[in-house]
Amino acid sequence: MIAMAEGTIKRLTDKGFGFIDTGTSQDVFFHSSNLEGVRYDELREGQQVTYNMGQGPKGPRAENVTPV
């Protein structure tokens, strides 16, 4: 089993996507379709989440994003 990464939601948009602060200089994109067990409108900036790194059409993205 692959370990889930942890991060903090840095920014949410009104278009259904956001960015996670990974603790490095590189933030990671996520889309509302990659959420698990939570609706996009329930998320808040500063909230802790776990996720798996994946690859989207425009580069790295977070998948299986779940609130801690």
PDB file of N, CA and C in Angstrom:
ATOM      1  N   MET A   1       0.845  -1.199   0.000  1.00  0.00           N
ATOM      2  CA  MET A   1       0.000   0.000   0.000  1.00  0.00           C
ATOM      3  C   MET A   1       0.881   1.250   0.000  1.00  0.00           C
ATOM      4  N   ILE A   2       0.541   2.190  -0.828  1.00  0.00           N
ATOM      5  CA  ILE A   2       1.311   3.436  -0.936  1.00  0.00           C
ATOM      6  C   ILE A   2       0.868   4.399   0.163  1.00  0.00           C
ATOM      7  N   ALA A   3       1.841   5.003   0.839  1.00  0.00           N
ATOM      8  CA  ALA A   3       1.522   5.957   1.898  1.00  0.00           C
ATOM      9  C   ALA A   3       0.897   7.212   1.301  1.00  0.00           C
ATOM     10  N   MET A   4      -0.117   7.723   1.982  1.00  0.00           N
ATOM     11  CA  MET A   4      -0.766   8.964   1.548  1.00  0.00           C
ATOM     12  C   MET A   4       0.112  10.142   1.975  1.00  0.00           C
ATOM     13  N   ALA A   5       0.181  11.138   1.128  1.00  0.00           N
ATOM     14  CA  ALA A   5       0.882  12.373   1.467  1.00  0.00           C
ATOM     15  C   ALA A   5      -0.069  13.257   2.270  1.00  0.00           C
ATOM     16  N   GLU A   6       0.492  14.158   3.070  1.00  0.00           N
ATOM     17  CA  GLU A   6      -0.327  15.099   3.823  1.00  0.00           C
ATOM     18  C   GLU A   6       0.017  16.517   3.412  1.00  0.00           C
ATOM     19  N   GLY A   7      -0.986  17.371   3.468  1.00  0.00           N
ATOM     20  CA  GLY A   7      -0.779  18.774   3.139  1.00  0.00           C
ATOM     21  C   GLY A   7      -1.896  19.626   3.697  1.00  0.00           C
ATOM     22  N   THR A   8      -1.858  20.898   3.368  1.00  0.00           N
ATOM     23  CA  THR A   8      -2.835  21.864   3.840  1.00  0.00           C
ATOM     24  C   THR A   8      -3.437  22.576   2.632  1.00  0.00           C
ATOM     25  N   ILE A   9      -4.744  22.724   2.629  1.00  0.00           N
ATOM     26  CA  ILE A   9      -5.373  23.447   1.525  1.00  0.00           C
ATOM     27  C   ILE A   9      -4.914  24.900   1.571  1.00  0.00           C
ATOM     28  N   LYS A  10      -4.267  25.325   0.511  1.00  0.00           N
ATOM     29  CA  LYS A  10      -3.715  26.683   0.439  1.00  0.00           C
ATOM     30  C   LYS A  10      -4.714  27.654  -0.177  1.00  0.00           C
ATOM     31  N   ARG A  11      -5.383  27.189  -1.260  1.00  0.00           N
ATOM     32  CA  ARG A  11      -6.299  28.088  -1.946  1.00  0.00           C
ATOM     33  C   ARG A  11      -7.412  27.291  -2.598  1.00  0.00           C
ATOM     34  N   LEU A  12      -8.628  27.814  -2.480  1.00  0.00           N
ATOM     35  CA  LEU A  12      -9.796  27.255  -3.145  1.00  0.00           C
ATOM     36  C   LEU A  12     -10.332  28.289  -4.121  1.00  0.00           C
ATOM     37  N   THR A  13     -10.836  27.846  -5.255  1.00  0.00           N
ATOM     38  CA  THR A  13     -11.406  28.769  -6.231  1.00  0.00           C
ATOM     39  C   THR A  13     -12.915  28.553  -6.322  1.00  0.00           C
ATOM     40  N   ASP A  14     -13.607  29.443  -6.989  1.00  0.00           N
ATOM     41  CA  ASP A  14     -15.048  29.262  -7.201  1.00  0.00           C
ATOM     42  C   ASP A  14     -15.320  28.435  -8.460  1.00  0.00           C
ATOM     43  N   LYS A  15     -14.274  27.877  -9.050  1.00  0.00           N
ATOM     44  CA  LYS A  15     -14.408  27.061 -10.263  1.00  0.00           C
ATOM     45  C   LYS A  15     -14.305  25.565  -9.974  1.00  0.00           C
ATOM     46  N   GLY A  16     -14.237  25.165  -8.677  1.00  0.00           N
ATOM     47  CA  GLY A  16     -14.225  23.744  -8.340  1.00  0.00           C
ATOM     48  C   GLY A  16     -12.857  23.104  -8.288  1.00  0.00           C
ATOM     49  N   PHE A  17     -11.811  23.913  -8.104  1.00  0.00           N
ATOM     50  CA  PHE A  17     -10.486  23.345  -7.921  1.00  0.00           C
ATOM     51  C   PHE A  17      -9.711  24.180  -6.914  1.00  0.00           C
ATOM     52  N   GLY A  18      -8.578  23.649  -6.494  1.00  0.00           N
ATOM     53  CA  GLY A  18      -7.765  24.364  -5.526  1.00  0.00           C
ATOM     54  C   GLY A  18      -6.338  23.861  -5.551  1.00  0.00           C
ATOM     55  N   PHE A  19      -5.572  24.314  -4.556  1.00  0.00           N
ATOM     56  CA  PHE A  19      -4.159  23.966  -4.456  1.00  0.00           C
ATOM     57  C   PHE A  19      -3.839  23.563  -3.025  1.00  0.00           C
ATOM     58  N   ILE A  20      -2.981  22.553  -2.897  1.00  0.00           N
ATOM     59  CA  ILE A  20      -2.561  22.045  -1.600  1.00  0.00           C
ATOM     60  C   ILE A  20      -1.111  22.434  -1.373  1.00  0.00           C
ATOM     61  N   ASP A  21      -0.820  23.001  -0.182  1.00  0.00           N
ATOM     62  CA  ASP A  21       0.547  23.295   0.234  1.00  0.00           C
ATOM     63  C   ASP A  21       1.156  21.981   0.707  1.00  0.00           C
ATOM     64  N   THR A  22       2.169  21.530   0.015  1.00  0.00           N
ATOM     65  CA  THR A  22       2.772  20.227   0.301  1.00  0.00           C
ATOM     66  C   THR A  22       3.886  20.312   1.343  1.00  0.00           C
ATOM     67  N   GLY A  23       4.220  21.528   1.783  1.00  0.00           N
ATOM     68  CA  GLY A  23       5.334  21.694   2.708  1.00  0.00           C
ATOM     69  C   GLY A  23       6.654  21.877   1.986  1.00  0.00           C
ATOM     70  N   THR A  24       6.609  21.863   0.654  1.00  0.00           N
ATOM     71  CA  THR A  24       7.787  22.135  -0.157  1.00  0.00           C
ATOM     72  C   THR A  24       7.505  23.422  -0.935  1.00  0.00           C
ATOM     73  N   SER A  25       8.375  23.771  -1.845  1.00  0.00           N
ATOM     74  CA  SER A  25       8.143  24.981  -2.641  1.00  0.00           C
ATOM     75  C   SER A  25       7.105  24.732  -3.738  1.00  0.00           C
ATOM     76  N   GLN A  26       6.694  23.489  -3.909  1.00  0.00           N
ATOM     77  CA  GLN A  26       5.772  23.131  -4.985  1.00  0.00           C
ATOM     78  C   GLN A  26       4.377  22.834  -4.436  1.00  0.00           C
ATOM     79  N   ASP A  27       3.394  23.680  -4.756  1.00  0.00           N
ATOM     80  CA  ASP A  27       2.001  23.391  -4.415  1.00  0.00           C
ATOM     81  C   ASP A  27       1.451  22.413  -5.439  1.00  0.00           C
ATOM     82  N   VAL A  28       0.422  21.648  -5.048  1.00  0.00           N
ATOM     83  CA  VAL A  28      -0.141  20.671  -5.969  1.00  0.00           C
ATOM     84  C   VAL A  28      -1.620  20.977  -6.222  1.00  0.00           C
ATOM     85  N   PHE A  29      -2.017  20.890  -7.469  1.00  0.00           N
ATOM     86  CA  PHE A  29      -3.377  21.150  -7.933  1.00  0.00           C
ATOM     87  C   PHE A  29      -4.297  19.994  -7.549  1.00  0.00           C
ATOM     88  N   PHE A  30      -5.555  20.308  -7.231  1.00  0.00           N
ATOM     89  CA  PHE A  30      -6.568  19.261  -7.125  1.00  0.00           C
ATOM     90  C   PHE A  30      -7.884  19.768  -7.679  1.00  0.00           C
ATOM     91  N   HIS A  31      -8.689  18.847  -8.193  1.00  0.00           N
ATOM     92  CA  HIS A  31     -10.002  19.166  -8.751  1.00  0.00           C
ATOM     93  C   HIS A  31     -11.069  18.530  -7.873  1.00  0.00           C
ATOM     94  N   SER A  32     -12.252  19.113  -7.843  1.00  0.00           N
ATOM     95  CA  SER A  32     -13.333  18.587  -7.009  1.00  0.00           C
ATOM     96  C   SER A  32     -13.673  17.135  -7.342  1.00  0.00           C
ATOM     97  N   SER A  33     -13.411  16.690  -8.568  1.00  0.00           N
ATOM     98  CA  SER A  33     -13.685  15.299  -8.937  1.00  0.00           C
ATOM     99  C   SER A  33     -12.708  14.320  -8.278  1.00  0.00           C
ATOM    100  N   ASN A  34     -11.642  14.842  -7.645  1.00  0.00           N
ATOM    101  CA  ASN A  34     -10.659  13.986  -6.975  1.00  0.00           C
ATOM    102  C   ASN A  34     -10.837  13.947  -5.464  1.00  0.00           C
ATOM    103  N   LEU A  35     -11.993  14.405  -4.971  1.00  0.00           N
ATOM    104  CA  LEU A  35     -12.271  14.383  -3.531  1.00  0.00           C
ATOM    105  C   LEU A  35     -12.863  13.045  -3.128  1.00  0.00           C
ATOM    106  N   GLU A  36     -12.587  12.621  -1.893  1.00  0.00           N
ATOM    107  CA  GLU A  36     -13.132  11.381  -1.343  1.00  0.00           C
ATOM    108  C   GLU A  36     -13.821  11.698  -0.019  1.00  0.00           C
ATOM    109  N   GLY A  37     -15.100  11.380   0.085  1.00  0.00           N
ATOM    110  CA  GLY A  37     -15.815  11.498   1.357  1.00  0.00           C
ATOM    111  C   GLY A  37     -16.136  12.906   1.797  1.00  0.00           C
ATOM    112  N   VAL A  38     -16.032  13.875   0.916  1.00  0.00           N
ATOM    113  CA  VAL A  38     -16.332  15.266   1.261  1.00  0.00           C
ATOM    114  C   VAL A  38     -16.733  16.001  -0.018  1.00  0.00           C
ATOM    115  N   ARG A  39     -17.638  16.964   0.122  1.00  0.00           N
ATOM    116  CA  ARG A  39     -18.001  17.803  -1.023  1.00  0.00           C
ATOM    117  C   ARG A  39     -17.062  19.016  -1.069  1.00  0.00           C
ATOM    118  N   TYR A  40     -16.857  19.526  -2.276  1.00  0.00           N
ATOM    119  CA  TYR A  40     -15.945  20.664  -2.452  1.00  0.00           C
ATOM    120  C   TYR A  40     -16.331  21.845  -1.567  1.00  0.00           C
ATOM    121  N   ASP A  41     -17.643  22.123  -1.461  1.00  0.00           N
ATOM    122  CA  ASP A  41     -18.069  23.301  -0.682  1.00  0.00           C
ATOM    123  C   ASP A  41     -17.937  23.094   0.822  1.00  0.00           C
ATOM    124  N   GLU A  42     -17.530  21.912   1.263  1.00  0.00           N
ATOM    125  CA  GLU A  42     -17.274  21.667   2.694  1.00  0.00           C
ATOM    126  C   GLU A  42     -15.815  21.923   3.070  1.00  0.00           C
ATOM    127  N   LEU A  43     -14.949  22.092   2.078  1.00  0.00           N
ATOM    128  CA  LEU A  43     -13.528  22.326   2.337  1.00  0.00           C
ATOM    129  C   LEU A  43     -13.277  23.778   2.734  1.00  0.00           C
ATOM    130  N   ARG A  44     -12.223  23.989   3.503  1.00  0.00           N
ATOM    131  CA  ARG A  44     -11.826  25.328   3.934  1.00  0.00           C
ATOM    132  C   ARG A  44     -10.323  25.492   3.742  1.00  0.00           C
ATOM    133  N   GLU A  45      -9.894  26.693   3.405  1.00  0.00           N
ATOM    134  CA  GLU A  45      -8.466  26.979   3.318  1.00  0.00           C
ATOM    135  C   GLU A  45      -7.854  26.789   4.704  1.00  0.00           C
ATOM    136  N   GLY A  46      -6.669  26.185   4.757  1.00  0.00           N
ATOM    137  CA  GLY A  46      -6.002  25.890   6.017  1.00  0.00           C
ATOM    138  C   GLY A  46      -6.329  24.509   6.565  1.00  0.00           C
ATOM    139  N   GLN A  47      -7.258  23.798   5.920  1.00  0.00           N
ATOM    140  CA  GLN A  47      -7.663  22.465   6.367  1.00  0.00           C
ATOM    141  C   GLN A  47      -6.610  21.427   5.988  1.00  0.00           C
ATOM    142  N   GLN A  48      -6.331  20.502   6.907  1.00  0.00           N
ATOM    143  CA  GLN A  48      -5.393  19.418   6.650  1.00  0.00           C
ATOM    144  C   GLN A  48      -6.071  18.340   5.807  1.00  0.00           C
ATOM    145  N   VAL A  49      -5.347  17.827   4.825  1.00  0.00           N
ATOM    146  CA  VAL A  49      -5.858  16.762   3.965  1.00  0.00           C
ATOM    147  C   VAL A  49      -4.765  15.726   3.702  1.00  0.00           C
ATOM    148  N   THR A  50      -5.192  14.529   3.306  1.00  0.00           N
ATOM    149  CA  THR A  50      -4.277  13.529   2.784  1.00  0.00           C
ATOM    150  C   THR A  50      -4.630  13.320   1.319  1.00  0.00           C
ATOM    151  N   TYR A  51      -3.664  12.835   0.547  1.00  0.00           N
ATOM    152  CA  TYR A  51      -3.886  12.665  -0.892  1.00  0.00           C
ATOM    153  C   TYR A  51      -2.831  11.745  -1.470  1.00  0.00           C
ATOM    154  N   ASN A  52      -3.089  11.264  -2.664  1.00  0.00           N
ATOM    155  CA  ASN A  52      -2.114  10.517  -3.458  1.00  0.00           C
ATOM    156  C   ASN A  52      -1.683  11.410  -4.610  1.00  0.00           C
ATOM    157  N   MET A  53      -0.415  11.358  -4.954  1.00  0.00           N
ATOM    158  CA  MET A  53       0.058  12.117  -6.115  1.00  0.00           C
ATOM    159  C   MET A  53      -0.322  11.359  -7.385  1.00  0.00           C
ATOM    160  N   GLY A  54      -0.844  12.094  -8.335  1.00  0.00           N
ATOM    161  CA  GLY A  54      -1.211  11.522  -9.618  1.00  0.00           C
ATOM    162  C   GLY A  54      -0.723  12.418 -10.732  1.00  0.00           C
ATOM    163  N   GLN A  55      -1.071  12.076 -11.939  1.00  0.00           N
ATOM    164  CA  GLN A  55      -0.664  12.860 -13.099  1.00  0.00           C
ATOM    165  C   GLN A  55      -1.896  13.239 -13.896  1.00  0.00           C
ATOM    166  N   GLY A  56      -2.095  14.525 -14.081  1.00  0.00           N
ATOM    167  CA  GLY A  56      -3.201  15.015 -14.883  1.00  0.00           C
ATOM    168  C   GLY A  56      -2.721  15.484 -16.239  1.00  0.00           C
ATOM    169  N   PRO A  57      -3.636  15.982 -17.066  1.00  0.00           N
ATOM    170  CA  PRO A  57      -3.256  16.430 -18.407  1.00  0.00           C
ATOM    171  C   PRO A  57      -2.300  17.621 -18.408  1.00  0.00           C
ATOM    172  N   LYS A  58      -2.293  18.402 -17.328  1.00  0.00           N
ATOM    173  CA  LYS A  58      -1.417  19.579 -17.277  1.00  0.00           C
ATOM    174  C   LYS A  58      -0.289  19.429 -16.263  1.00  0.00           C
ATOM    175  N   GLY A  59      -0.076  18.215 -15.768  1.00  0.00           N
ATOM    176  CA  GLY A  59       1.020  18.004 -14.813  1.00  0.00           C
ATOM    177  C   GLY A  59       0.551  17.292 -13.566  1.00  0.00           C
ATOM    178  N   PRO A  60       1.377  17.331 -12.499  1.00  0.00           N
ATOM    179  CA  PRO A  60       1.037  16.629 -11.266  1.00  0.00           C
ATOM    180  C   PRO A  60      -0.269  17.139 -10.658  1.00  0.00           C
ATOM    181  N   ARG A  61      -1.002  16.220 -10.049  1.00  0.00           N
ATOM    182  CA  ARG A  61      -2.217  16.624  -9.355  1.00  0.00           C
ATOM    183  C   ARG A  61      -2.457  15.698  -8.168  1.00  0.00           C
ATOM    184  N   ALA A  62      -3.202  16.187  -7.194  1.00  0.00           N
ATOM    185  CA  ALA A  62      -3.580  15.387  -6.042  1.00  0.00           C
ATOM    186  C   ALA A  62      -4.852  14.604  -6.379  1.00  0.00           C
ATOM    187  N   GLU A  63      -4.854  13.326  -6.001  1.00  0.00           N
ATOM    188  CA  GLU A  63      -6.009  12.465  -6.195  1.00  0.00           C
ATOM    189  C   GLU A  63      -6.400  11.862  -4.852  1.00  0.00           C
ATOM    190  N   ASN A  64      -7.644  11.410  -4.738  1.00  0.00           N
ATOM    191  CA  ASN A  64      -8.150  10.820  -3.496  1.00  0.00           C
ATOM    192  C   ASN A  64      -7.946  11.766  -2.310  1.00  0.00           C
ATOM    193  N   VAL A  65      -8.261  13.054  -2.516  1.00  0.00           N
ATOM    194  CA  VAL A  65      -8.085  14.065  -1.474  1.00  0.00           C
ATOM    195  C   VAL A  65      -9.136  13.846  -0.386  1.00  0.00           C
ATOM    196  N   THR A  66      -8.672  13.678   0.859  1.00  0.00           N
ATOM    197  CA  THR A  66      -9.539  13.375   1.988  1.00  0.00           C
ATOM    198  C   THR A  66      -9.174  14.259   3.173  1.00  0.00           C
ATOM    199  N   PRO A  67     -10.154  14.925   3.821  1.00  0.00           N
ATOM    200  CA  PRO A  67      -9.844  15.696   5.027  1.00  0.00           C
ATOM    201  C   PRO A  67      -9.299  14.795   6.141  1.00  0.00           C
ATOM    202  N   VAL A  68      -8.394  15.318   6.942  1.00  0.00           N
ATOM    203  CA  VAL A  68      -7.831  14.556   8.063  1.00  0.00           C
ATOM    204  C   VAL A  68      -8.809  14.576   9.217  1.00  0.00           C
TER     205      VAL A  68
END
